[in-house]
Amino acid sequence: MLMVSSAMAGSWEICDLKVQVRDKQTQRAQLQTRVIEAKAQGQAECPQPGSALSFRPETADYQSELPRRQWPKPGRTVTVRYRYLDGICKNRGPCRIEHFSPLQR
């Protein structure tokens, strides 16, 4: 008799980051930011204040990217929800799936 154990799905880790927008990088279409403050939920590993982040902002449901005209402007300080899931990616091994979504306040 073959016993099969069930796989456990990972859970998303969440950090709310206060970032200052530095620039919109046109070559890779990413927002350039610097972390000012980080608040972890649970055991999440948040980027440290002072670190630089580059990302493409997503909608609150993480289903699509925000249109560029809705990206925060350089010089603004915004709060971004950073979510990640560590796991094993097909053909790549260990990886981290990341999402960044500006929060409306």
PDB file of N, CA and C in Angstrom:
ATOM      1  N   MET A   1       0.846  -1.171   0.000  1.00  0.00           N
ATOM      2  CA  MET A   1       0.000   0.000   0.000  1.00  0.00           C
ATOM      3  C   MET A   1       0.896   1.240   0.000  1.00  0.00           C
ATOM      4  N   LEU A   2       0.558   2.192  -0.839  1.00  0.00           N
ATOM      5  CA  LEU A   2       1.336   3.417  -0.971  1.00  0.00           C
ATOM      6  C   LEU A   2       0.702   4.516  -0.141  1.00  0.00           C
ATOM      7  N   MET A   3       1.502   5.118   0.719  1.00  0.00           N
ATOM      8  CA  MET A   3       1.005   6.229   1.539  1.00  0.00           C
ATOM      9  C   MET A   3       1.481   7.540   0.930  1.00  0.00           C
ATOM     10  N   VAL A   4       0.568   8.453   0.746  1.00  0.00           N
ATOM     11  CA  VAL A   4       0.910   9.752   0.182  1.00  0.00           C
ATOM     12  C   VAL A   4       0.615  10.813   1.232  1.00  0.00           C
ATOM     13  N   SER A   5       1.617  11.608   1.544  1.00  0.00           N
ATOM     14  CA  SER A   5       1.381  12.683   2.506  1.00  0.00           C
ATOM     15  C   SER A   5       0.898  13.917   1.762  1.00  0.00           C
ATOM     16  N   SER A   6       0.056  14.668   2.401  1.00  0.00           N
ATOM     17  CA  SER A   6      -0.464  15.871   1.757  1.00  0.00           C
ATOM     18  C   SER A   6       0.576  16.981   1.816  1.00  0.00           C
ATOM     19  N   ALA A   7       0.585  17.797   0.799  1.00  0.00           N
ATOM     20  CA  ALA A   7       1.511  18.934   0.760  1.00  0.00           C
ATOM     21  C   ALA A   7       0.875  20.112   1.478  1.00  0.00           C
ATOM     22  N   MET A   8       1.692  20.831   2.199  1.00  0.00           N
ATOM     23  CA  MET A   8       1.201  22.015   2.895  1.00  0.00           C
ATOM     24  C   MET A   8       1.527  23.251   2.066  1.00  0.00           C
ATOM     25  N   ALA A   9       0.531  24.044   1.825  1.00  0.00           N
ATOM     26  CA  ALA A   9       0.760  25.288   1.098  1.00  0.00           C
ATOM     27  C   ALA A   9       1.411  26.293   2.030  1.00  0.00           C
ATOM     28  N   GLY A  10       2.315  27.069   1.485  1.00  0.00           N
ATOM     29  CA  GLY A  10       2.963  28.113   2.271  1.00  0.00           C
ATOM     30  C   GLY A  10       2.002  29.261   2.505  1.00  0.00           C
ATOM     31  N   SER A  11       2.351  30.117   3.427  1.00  0.00           N
ATOM     32  CA  SER A  11       1.504  31.279   3.672  1.00  0.00           C
ATOM     33  C   SER A  11       2.270  32.541   3.300  1.00  0.00           C
ATOM     34  N   TRP A  12       1.537  33.529   2.851  1.00  0.00           N
ATOM     35  CA  TRP A  12       2.130  34.799   2.468  1.00  0.00           C
ATOM     36  C   TRP A  12       2.622  35.529   3.707  1.00  0.00           C
ATOM     37  N   GLU A  13       3.800  36.088   3.620  1.00  0.00           N
ATOM     38  CA  GLU A  13       4.354  36.951   4.658  1.00  0.00           C
ATOM     39  C   GLU A  13       4.124  38.384   4.201  1.00  0.00           C
ATOM     40  N   ILE A  14       3.805  39.283   5.138  1.00  0.00           N
ATOM     41  CA  ILE A  14       3.406  40.645   4.776  1.00  0.00           C
ATOM     42  C   ILE A  14       4.189  41.684   5.569  1.00  0.00           C
ATOM     43  N   CYS A  15       4.643  42.712   4.854  1.00  0.00           N
ATOM     44  CA  CYS A  15       5.276  43.889   5.457  1.00  0.00           C
ATOM     45  C   CYS A  15       4.611  45.126   4.879  1.00  0.00           C
ATOM     46  N   ASP A  16       4.342  46.102   5.713  1.00  0.00           N
ATOM     47  CA  ASP A  16       3.909  47.412   5.228  1.00  0.00           C
ATOM     48  C   ASP A  16       5.134  48.312   5.260  1.00  0.00           C
ATOM     49  N   LEU A  17       5.481  48.843   4.099  1.00  0.00           N
ATOM     50  CA  LEU A  17       6.685  49.649   3.950  1.00  0.00           C
ATOM     51  C   LEU A  17       6.332  51.089   3.643  1.00  0.00           C
ATOM     52  N   LYS A  18       6.956  52.011   4.354  1.00  0.00           N
ATOM     53  CA  LYS A  18       6.865  53.420   3.979  1.00  0.00           C
ATOM     54  C   LYS A  18       8.102  53.678   3.133  1.00  0.00           C
ATOM     55  N   VAL A  19       7.885  54.087   1.877  1.00  0.00           N
ATOM     56  CA  VAL A  19       9.002  54.297   0.957  1.00  0.00           C
ATOM     57  C   VAL A  19       8.947  55.687   0.349  1.00  0.00           C
ATOM     58  N   GLN A  20      10.115  56.205   0.011  1.00  0.00           N
ATOM     59  CA  GLN A  20      10.191  57.459  -0.733  1.00  0.00           C
ATOM     60  C   GLN A  20      10.507  57.093  -2.176  1.00  0.00           C
ATOM     61  N   VAL A  21       9.684  57.617  -3.078  1.00  0.00           N
ATOM     62  CA  VAL A  21       9.867  57.338  -4.497  1.00  0.00           C
ATOM     63  C   VAL A  21      11.020  58.195  -5.003  1.00  0.00           C
ATOM     64  N   ARG A  22      11.993  57.542  -5.609  1.00  0.00           N
ATOM     65  CA  ARG A  22      13.163  58.247  -6.120  1.00  0.00           C
ATOM     66  C   ARG A  22      13.016  58.556  -7.601  1.00  0.00           C
ATOM     67  N   ASP A  23      12.563  57.582  -8.385  1.00  0.00           N
ATOM     68  CA  ASP A  23      12.502  57.780  -9.831  1.00  0.00           C
ATOM     69  C   ASP A  23      11.693  56.659 -10.459  1.00  0.00           C
ATOM     70  N   LYS A  24      11.244  56.910 -11.690  1.00  0.00           N
ATOM     71  CA  LYS A  24      10.643  55.858 -12.502  1.00  0.00           C
ATOM     72  C   LYS A  24      11.706  55.441 -13.500  1.00  0.00           C
ATOM     73  N   GLN A  25      12.139  54.206 -13.413  1.00  0.00           N
ATOM     74  CA  GLN A  25      13.167  53.722 -14.322  1.00  0.00           C
ATOM     75  C   GLN A  25      12.493  53.329 -15.627  1.00  0.00           C
ATOM     76  N   THR A  26      12.862  53.974 -16.701  1.00  0.00           N
ATOM     77  CA  THR A  26      12.172  53.747 -17.969  1.00  0.00           C
ATOM     78  C   THR A  26      12.648  52.502 -18.691  1.00  0.00           C
ATOM     79  N   GLN A  27      13.915  52.125 -18.561  1.00  0.00           N
ATOM     80  CA  GLN A  27      14.423  50.970 -19.299  1.00  0.00           C
ATOM     81  C   GLN A  27      13.734  49.673 -18.882  1.00  0.00           C
ATOM     82  N   ARG A  28      13.566  49.468 -17.602  1.00  0.00           N
ATOM     83  CA  ARG A  28      12.917  48.242 -17.124  1.00  0.00           C
ATOM     84  C   ARG A  28      11.521  48.511 -16.585  1.00  0.00           C
ATOM     85  N   ALA A  29      11.055  49.727 -16.723  1.00  0.00           N
ATOM     86  CA  ALA A  29       9.720  50.116 -16.251  1.00  0.00           C
ATOM     87  C   ALA A  29       9.492  49.695 -14.800  1.00  0.00           C
ATOM     88  N   GLN A  30      10.366  50.159 -13.915  1.00  0.00           N
ATOM     89  CA  GLN A  30      10.231  49.880 -12.494  1.00  0.00           C
ATOM     90  C   GLN A  30      10.296  51.175 -11.708  1.00  0.00           C
ATOM     91  N   LEU A  31       9.652  51.156 -10.552  1.00  0.00           N
ATOM     92  CA  LEU A  31       9.697  52.279  -9.629  1.00  0.00           C
ATOM     93  C   LEU A  31      10.931  52.112  -8.742  1.00  0.00           C
ATOM     94  N   GLN A  32      11.701  53.175  -8.576  1.00  0.00           N
ATOM     95  CA  GLN A  32      12.897  53.161  -7.728  1.00  0.00           C
ATOM     96  C   GLN A  32      12.532  53.829  -6.409  1.00  0.00           C
ATOM     97  N   THR A  33      12.727  53.129  -5.295  1.00  0.00           N
ATOM     98  CA  THR A  33      12.342  53.667  -3.989  1.00  0.00           C
ATOM     99  C   THR A  33      13.435  53.421  -2.954  1.00  0.00           C
ATOM    100  N   ARG A  34      13.302  54.116  -1.826  1.00  0.00           N
ATOM    101  CA  ARG A  34      14.167  53.894  -0.666  1.00  0.00           C
ATOM    102  C   ARG A  34      13.247  53.665   0.529  1.00  0.00           C
ATOM    103  N   VAL A  35      13.500  52.599   1.294  1.00  0.00           N
ATOM    104  CA  VAL A  35      12.676  52.252   2.451  1.00  0.00           C
ATOM    105  C   VAL A  35      12.955  53.227   3.592  1.00  0.00           C
ATOM    106  N   ILE A  36      11.886  53.824   4.124  1.00  0.00           N
ATOM    107  CA  ILE A  36      11.991  54.733   5.264  1.00  0.00           C
ATOM    108  C   ILE A  36      11.634  54.002   6.554  1.00  0.00           C
ATOM    109  N   GLU A  37      10.596  53.168   6.482  1.00  0.00           N
ATOM    110  CA  GLU A  37      10.100  52.463   7.668  1.00  0.00           C
ATOM    111  C   GLU A  37       9.505  51.138   7.223  1.00  0.00           C
ATOM    112  N   ALA A  38       9.642  50.101   8.048  1.00  0.00           N
ATOM    113  CA  ALA A  38       9.098  48.784   7.731  1.00  0.00           C
ATOM    114  C   ALA A  38       8.389  48.212   8.953  1.00  0.00           C
ATOM    115  N   LYS A  39       7.165  47.715   8.748  1.00  0.00           N
ATOM    116  CA  LYS A  39       6.393  47.082   9.823  1.00  0.00           C
ATOM    117  C   LYS A  39       6.010  45.676   9.375  1.00  0.00           C
ATOM    118  N   ALA A  40       6.536  44.684  10.088  1.00  0.00           N
ATOM    119  CA  ALA A  40       6.269  43.287   9.752  1.00  0.00           C
ATOM    120  C   ALA A  40       4.985  42.811  10.406  1.00  0.00           C
ATOM    121  N   GLN A  41       4.283  41.941   9.708  1.00  0.00           N
ATOM    122  CA  GLN A  41       3.160  41.218  10.302  1.00  0.00           C
ATOM    123  C   GLN A  41       3.670  39.809  10.581  1.00  0.00           C
ATOM    124  N   GLY A  42       3.605  39.398  11.822  1.00  0.00           N
ATOM    125  CA  GLY A  42       4.099  38.074  12.185  1.00  0.00           C
ATOM    126  C   GLY A  42       5.606  37.974  12.056  1.00  0.00           C
ATOM    127  N   GLN A  43       6.071  36.907  11.430  1.00  0.00           N
ATOM    128  CA  GLN A  43       7.503  36.626  11.306  1.00  0.00           C
ATOM    129  C   GLN A  43       8.092  37.075   9.972  1.00  0.00           C
ATOM    130  N   ALA A  44       7.433  37.978   9.278  1.00  0.00           N
ATOM    131  CA  ALA A  44       7.892  38.422   7.957  1.00  0.00           C
ATOM    132  C   ALA A  44       9.277  39.057   8.030  1.00  0.00           C
ATOM    133  N   GLU A  45      10.072  38.828   6.986  1.00  0.00           N
ATOM    134  CA  GLU A  45      11.396  39.434   6.843  1.00  0.00           C
ATOM    135  C   GLU A  45      11.244  40.673   5.968  1.00  0.00           C
ATOM    136  N   CYS A  46      11.293  41.843   6.576  1.00  0.00           N
ATOM    137  CA  CYS A  46      11.082  43.096   5.841  1.00  0.00           C
ATOM    138  C   CYS A  46      12.412  43.694   5.388  1.00  0.00           C
ATOM    139  N   PRO A  47      12.400  44.413   4.266  1.00  0.00           N
ATOM    140  CA  PRO A  47      13.592  45.173   3.879  1.00  0.00           C
ATOM    141  C   PRO A  47      13.923  46.196   4.967  1.00  0.00           C
ATOM    142  N   GLN A  48      15.180  46.434   5.196  1.00  0.00           N
ATOM    143  CA  GLN A  48      15.632  47.348   6.243  1.00  0.00           C
ATOM    144  C   GLN A  48      15.499  48.804   5.806  1.00  0.00           C
ATOM    145  N   PRO A  49      15.185  49.711   6.747  1.00  0.00           N
ATOM    146  CA  PRO A  49      15.181  51.139   6.410  1.00  0.00           C
ATOM    147  C   PRO A  49      16.524  51.545   5.800  1.00  0.00           C
ATOM    148  N   GLY A  50      16.448  52.354   4.755  1.00  0.00           N
ATOM    149  CA  GLY A  50      17.643  52.786   4.040  1.00  0.00           C
ATOM    150  C   GLY A  50      17.944  51.958   2.808  1.00  0.00           C
ATOM    151  N   SER A  51      17.346  50.760   2.714  1.00  0.00           N
ATOM    152  CA  SER A  51      17.628  49.924   1.547  1.00  0.00           C
ATOM    153  C   SER A  51      16.839  50.405   0.331  1.00  0.00           C
ATOM    154  N   ALA A  52      17.400  50.161  -0.838  1.00  0.00           N
ATOM    155  CA  ALA A  52      16.763  50.547  -2.097  1.00  0.00           C
ATOM    156  C   ALA A  52      15.941  49.376  -2.626  1.00  0.00           C
ATOM    157  N   LEU A  53      14.764  49.682  -3.169  1.00  0.00           N
ATOM    158  CA  LEU A  53      13.907  48.673  -3.786  1.00  0.00           C
ATOM    159  C   LEU A  53      13.501  49.141  -5.173  1.00  0.00           C
ATOM    160  N   SER A  54      13.447  48.209  -6.107  1.00  0.00           N
ATOM    161  CA  SER A  54      12.926  48.470  -7.448  1.00  0.00           C
ATOM    162  C   SER A  54      11.805  47.470  -7.692  1.00  0.00           C
ATOM    163  N   PHE A  55      10.655  47.957  -8.138  1.00  0.00           N
ATOM    164  CA  PHE A  55       9.528  47.058  -8.375  1.00  0.00           C
ATOM    165  C   PHE A  55       8.526  47.701  -9.318  1.00  0.00           C
ATOM    166  N   ARG A  56       7.607  46.880  -9.804  1.00  0.00           N
ATOM    167  CA  ARG A  56       6.507  47.340 -10.640  1.00  0.00           C
ATOM    168  C   ARG A  56       5.250  47.303  -9.772  1.00  0.00           C
ATOM    169  N   PRO A  57       4.657  48.456  -9.455  1.00  0.00           N
ATOM    170  CA  PRO A  57       3.489  48.491  -8.568  1.00  0.00           C
ATOM    171  C   PRO A  57       2.314  47.691  -9.139  1.00  0.00           C
ATOM    172  N   GLU A  58       1.605  47.006  -8.243  1.00  0.00           N
ATOM    173  CA  GLU A  58       0.468  46.182  -8.639  1.00  0.00           C
ATOM    174  C   GLU A  58      -0.817  46.680  -7.983  1.00  0.00           C
ATOM    175  N   THR A  59      -1.936  46.202  -8.499  1.00  0.00           N
ATOM    176  CA  THR A  59      -3.233  46.526  -7.917  1.00  0.00           C
ATOM    177  C   THR A  59      -3.334  45.878  -6.538  1.00  0.00           C
ATOM    178  N   ALA A  60      -4.300  46.318  -5.743  1.00  0.00           N
ATOM    179  CA  ALA A  60      -4.460  45.811  -4.375  1.00  0.00           C
ATOM    180  C   ALA A  60      -4.713  44.305  -4.336  1.00  0.00           C
ATOM    181  N   ASP A  61      -5.313  43.739  -5.394  1.00  0.00           N
ATOM    182  CA  ASP A  61      -5.568  42.299  -5.423  1.00  0.00           C
ATOM    183  C   ASP A  61      -4.420  41.516  -6.069  1.00  0.00           C
ATOM    184  N   TYR A  62      -3.358  42.208  -6.466  1.00  0.00           N
ATOM    185  CA  TYR A  62      -2.155  41.607  -7.036  1.00  0.00           C
ATOM    186  C   TYR A  62      -2.411  40.872  -8.352  1.00  0.00           C
ATOM    187  N   GLN A  63      -3.501  41.194  -9.030  1.00  0.00           N
ATOM    188  CA  GLN A  63      -3.840  40.506 -10.269  1.00  0.00           C
ATOM    189  C   GLN A  63      -3.267  41.176 -11.510  1.00  0.00           C
ATOM    190  N   SER A  64      -2.896  42.453 -11.397  1.00  0.00           N
ATOM    191  CA  SER A  64      -2.333  43.148 -12.558  1.00  0.00           C
ATOM    192  C   SER A  64      -1.468  44.318 -12.092  1.00  0.00           C
ATOM    193  N   GLU A  65      -0.657  44.817 -13.007  1.00  0.00           N
ATOM    194  CA  GLU A  65       0.172  45.978 -12.697  1.00  0.00           C
ATOM    195  C   GLU A  65      -0.659  47.243 -12.793  1.00  0.00           C
ATOM    196  N   LEU A  66      -0.292  48.236 -11.981  1.00  0.00           N
ATOM    197  CA  LEU A  66      -0.940  49.544 -12.083  1.00  0.00           C
ATOM    198  C   LEU A  66      -0.492  50.216 -13.376  1.00  0.00           C
ATOM    199  N   PRO A  67      -1.395  50.928 -14.050  1.00  0.00           N
ATOM    200  CA  PRO A  67      -0.968  51.717 -15.202  1.00  0.00           C
ATOM    201  C   PRO A  67       0.066  52.747 -14.739  1.00  0.00           C
ATOM    202  N   ARG A  68       1.040  53.038 -15.568  1.00  0.00           N
ATOM    203  CA  ARG A  68       2.127  53.952 -15.171  1.00  0.00           C
ATOM    204  C   ARG A  68       1.619  55.315 -14.723  1.00  0.00           C
ATOM    205  N   ARG A  69       0.526  55.781 -15.285  1.00  0.00           N
ATOM    206  CA  ARG A  69      -0.001  57.099 -14.885  1.00  0.00           C
ATOM    207  C   ARG A  69      -0.489  57.099 -13.433  1.00  0.00           C
ATOM    208  N   GLN A  70      -0.702  55.910 -12.847  1.00  0.00           N
ATOM    209  CA  GLN A  70      -1.135  55.799 -11.452  1.00  0.00           C
ATOM    210  C   GLN A  70       0.026  55.527 -10.492  1.00  0.00           C
ATOM    211  N   TRP A  71       1.232  55.417 -11.007  1.00  0.00           N
ATOM    212  CA  TRP A  71       2.386  55.192 -10.139  1.00  0.00           C
ATOM    213  C   TRP A  71       2.644  56.441  -9.313  1.00  0.00           C
ATOM    214  N   PRO A  72       3.104  56.294  -8.073  1.00  0.00           N
ATOM    215  CA  PRO A  72       3.459  57.473  -7.268  1.00  0.00           C
ATOM    216  C   PRO A  72       4.568  58.272  -7.958  1.00  0.00           C
ATOM    217  N   LYS A  73       4.506  59.569  -7.816  1.00  0.00           N
ATOM    218  CA  LYS A  73       5.472  60.468  -8.455  1.00  0.00           C
ATOM    219  C   LYS A  73       6.775  60.536  -7.647  1.00  0.00           C
ATOM    220  N   PRO A  74       7.906  60.790  -8.320  1.00  0.00           N
ATOM    221  CA  PRO A  74       9.181  60.952  -7.614  1.00  0.00           C
ATOM    222  C   PRO A  74       9.076  62.034  -6.537  1.00  0.00           C
ATOM    223  N   GLY A  75       9.706  61.772  -5.387  1.00  0.00           N
ATOM    224  CA  GLY A  75       9.681  62.705  -4.265  1.00  0.00           C
ATOM    225  C   GLY A  75       8.593  62.408  -3.250  1.00  0.00           C
ATOM    226  N   ARG A  76       7.560  61.676  -3.640  1.00  0.00           N
ATOM    227  CA  ARG A  76       6.464  61.353  -2.716  1.00  0.00           C
ATOM    228  C   ARG A  76       6.862  60.230  -1.774  1.00  0.00           C
ATOM    229  N   THR A  77       6.245  60.238  -0.598  1.00  0.00           N
ATOM    230  CA  THR A  77       6.386  59.148   0.359  1.00  0.00           C
ATOM    231  C   THR A  77       5.057  58.411   0.394  1.00  0.00           C
ATOM    232  N   VAL A  78       5.099  57.098   0.165  1.00  0.00           N
ATOM    233  CA  VAL A  78       3.882  56.290   0.110  1.00  0.00           C
ATOM    234  C   VAL A  78       4.070  55.024   0.938  1.00  0.00           C
ATOM    235  N   THR A  79       2.953  54.408   1.304  1.00  0.00           N
ATOM    236  CA  THR A  79       2.979  53.122   1.992  1.00  0.00           C
ATOM    237  C   THR A  79       2.684  52.033   0.971  1.00  0.00           C
ATOM    238  N   VAL A  80       3.507  51.011   0.994  1.00  0.00           N
ATOM    239  CA  VAL A  80       3.387  49.901   0.053  1.00  0.00           C
ATOM    240  C   VAL A  80       3.246  48.612   0.848  1.00  0.00           C
ATOM    241  N   ARG A  81       2.292  47.778   0.449  1.00  0.00           N
ATOM    242  CA  ARG A  81       2.181  46.446   1.051  1.00  0.00           C
ATOM    243  C   ARG A  81       3.071  45.500   0.256  1.00  0.00           C
ATOM    244  N   TYR A  82       4.042  44.919   0.957  1.00  0.00           N
ATOM    245  CA  TYR A  82       4.975  43.964   0.355  1.00  0.00           C
ATOM    246  C   TYR A  82       4.580  42.586   0.848  1.00  0.00           C
ATOM    247  N   ARG A  83       4.261  41.701  -0.106  1.00  0.00           N
ATOM    248  CA  ARG A  83       3.901  40.321   0.236  1.00  0.00           C
ATOM    249  C   ARG A  83       4.874  39.392  -0.454  1.00  0.00           C
ATOM    250  N   TYR A  84       5.266  38.347   0.248  1.00  0.00           N
ATOM    251  CA  TYR A  84       6.132  37.364  -0.404  1.00  0.00           C
ATOM    252  C   TYR A  84       5.794  35.960   0.078  1.00  0.00           C
ATOM    253  N   LEU A  85       6.162  35.007  -0.764  1.00  0.00           N
ATOM    254  CA  LEU A  85       5.949  33.597  -0.481  1.00  0.00           C
ATOM    255  C   LEU A  85       7.219  32.867  -0.894  1.00  0.00           C
ATOM    256  N   ASP A  86       7.846  32.194   0.043  1.00  0.00           N
ATOM    257  CA  ASP A  86       9.033  31.399  -0.270  1.00  0.00           C
ATOM    258  C   ASP A  86       8.587  29.999  -0.651  1.00  0.00           C
ATOM    259  N   GLY A  87       9.229  29.453  -1.667  1.00  0.00           N
ATOM    260  CA  GLY A  87       8.873  28.113  -2.097  1.00  0.00           C
ATOM    261  C   GLY A  87       9.876  27.564  -3.092  1.00  0.00           C
ATOM    262  N   ILE A  88       9.448  26.551  -3.809  1.00  0.00           N
ATOM    263  CA  ILE A  88      10.255  25.924  -4.849  1.00  0.00           C
ATOM    264  C   ILE A  88       9.590  26.234  -6.185  1.00  0.00           C
ATOM    265  N   CYS A  89      10.329  26.897  -7.054  1.00  0.00           N
ATOM    266  CA  CYS A  89       9.800  27.258  -8.370  1.00  0.00           C
ATOM    267  C   CYS A  89      10.234  26.220  -9.399  1.00  0.00           C
ATOM    268  N   LYS A  90       9.340  25.917 -10.301  1.00  0.00           N
ATOM    269  CA  LYS A  90       9.599  24.942 -11.352  1.00  0.00           C
ATOM    270  C   LYS A  90      10.838  25.349 -12.146  1.00  0.00           C
ATOM    271  N   ASN A  91      11.742  24.425 -12.318  1.00  0.00           N
ATOM    272  CA  ASN A  91      12.978  24.600 -13.089  1.00  0.00           C
ATOM    273  C   ASN A  91      13.944  25.617 -12.495  1.00  0.00           C
ATOM    274  N   ARG A  92      13.668  26.145 -11.280  1.00  0.00           N
ATOM    275  CA  ARG A  92      14.566  27.149 -10.697  1.00  0.00           C
ATOM    276  C   ARG A  92      14.997  26.797  -9.280  1.00  0.00           C
ATOM    277  N   GLY A  93      14.297  25.913  -8.633  1.00  0.00           N
ATOM    278  CA  GLY A  93      14.631  25.585  -7.253  1.00  0.00           C
ATOM    279  C   GLY A  93      14.047  26.600  -6.284  1.00  0.00           C
ATOM    280  N   PRO A  94      14.708  26.824  -5.137  1.00  0.00           N
ATOM    281  CA  PRO A  94      14.184  27.765  -4.139  1.00  0.00           C
ATOM    282  C   PRO A  94      14.029  29.170  -4.729  1.00  0.00           C
ATOM    283  N   CYS A  95      12.904  29.801  -4.428  1.00  0.00           N
ATOM    284  CA  CYS A  95      12.667  31.152  -4.941  1.00  0.00           C
ATOM    285  C   CYS A  95      11.692  31.890  -4.024  1.00  0.00           C
ATOM    286  N   ARG A  96      11.582  33.178  -4.244  1.00  0.00           N
ATOM    287  CA  ARG A  96      10.656  34.024  -3.490  1.00  0.00           C
ATOM    288  C   ARG A  96       9.759  34.742  -4.492  1.00  0.00           C
ATOM    289  N   ILE A  97       8.462  34.551  -4.344  1.00  0.00           N
ATOM    290  CA  ILE A  97       7.481  35.261  -5.168  1.00  0.00           C
ATOM    291  C   ILE A  97       7.124  36.531  -4.409  1.00  0.00           C
ATOM    292  N   GLU A  98       7.275  37.693  -5.069  1.00  0.00           N
ATOM    293  CA  GLU A  98       7.071  38.976  -4.395  1.00  0.00           C
ATOM    294  C   GLU A  98       6.007  39.805  -5.098  1.00  0.00           C
ATOM    295  N   HIS A  99       5.245  40.551  -4.300  1.00  0.00           N
ATOM    296  CA  HIS A  99       4.242  41.489  -4.812  1.00  0.00           C
ATOM    297  C   HIS A  99       4.349  42.794  -4.033  1.00  0.00           C
ATOM    298  N   PHE A 100       4.191  43.922  -4.743  1.00  0.00           N
ATOM    299  CA  PHE A 100       4.234  45.259  -4.143  1.00  0.00           C
ATOM    300  C   PHE A 100       2.990  46.020  -4.580  1.00  0.00           C
ATOM    301  N   SER A 101       2.195  46.477  -3.627  1.00  0.00           N
ATOM    302  CA  SER A 101       0.980  47.212  -3.951  1.00  0.00           C
ATOM    303  C   SER A 101       0.876  48.469  -3.086  1.00  0.00           C
ATOM    304  N   PRO A 102       0.814  49.666  -3.714  1.00  0.00           N
ATOM    305  CA  PRO A 102       0.620  50.893  -2.928  1.00  0.00           C
ATOM    306  C   PRO A 102      -0.713  50.844  -2.184  1.00  0.00           C
ATOM    307  N   LEU A 103      -0.715  51.276  -0.923  1.00  0.00           N
ATOM    308  CA  LEU A 103      -1.943  51.313  -0.129  1.00  0.00           C
ATOM    309  C   LEU A 103      -2.569  52.692  -0.241  1.00  0.00           C
ATOM    310  N   GLN A 104      -3.866  52.720  -0.387  1.00  0.00           N
ATOM    311  CA  GLN A 104      -4.596  53.988  -0.436  1.00  0.00           C
ATOM    312  C   GLN A 104      -4.886  54.412   0.989  1.00  0.00           C
ATOM    313  N   ARG A 105      -4.460  55.601   1.372  1.00  0.00           N
ATOM    314  CA  ARG A 105      -4.691  56.096   2.742  1.00  0.00           C
ATOM    315  C   ARG A 105      -5.470  57.373   2.686  1.00  0.00           C
TER     316      ARG A 105
END
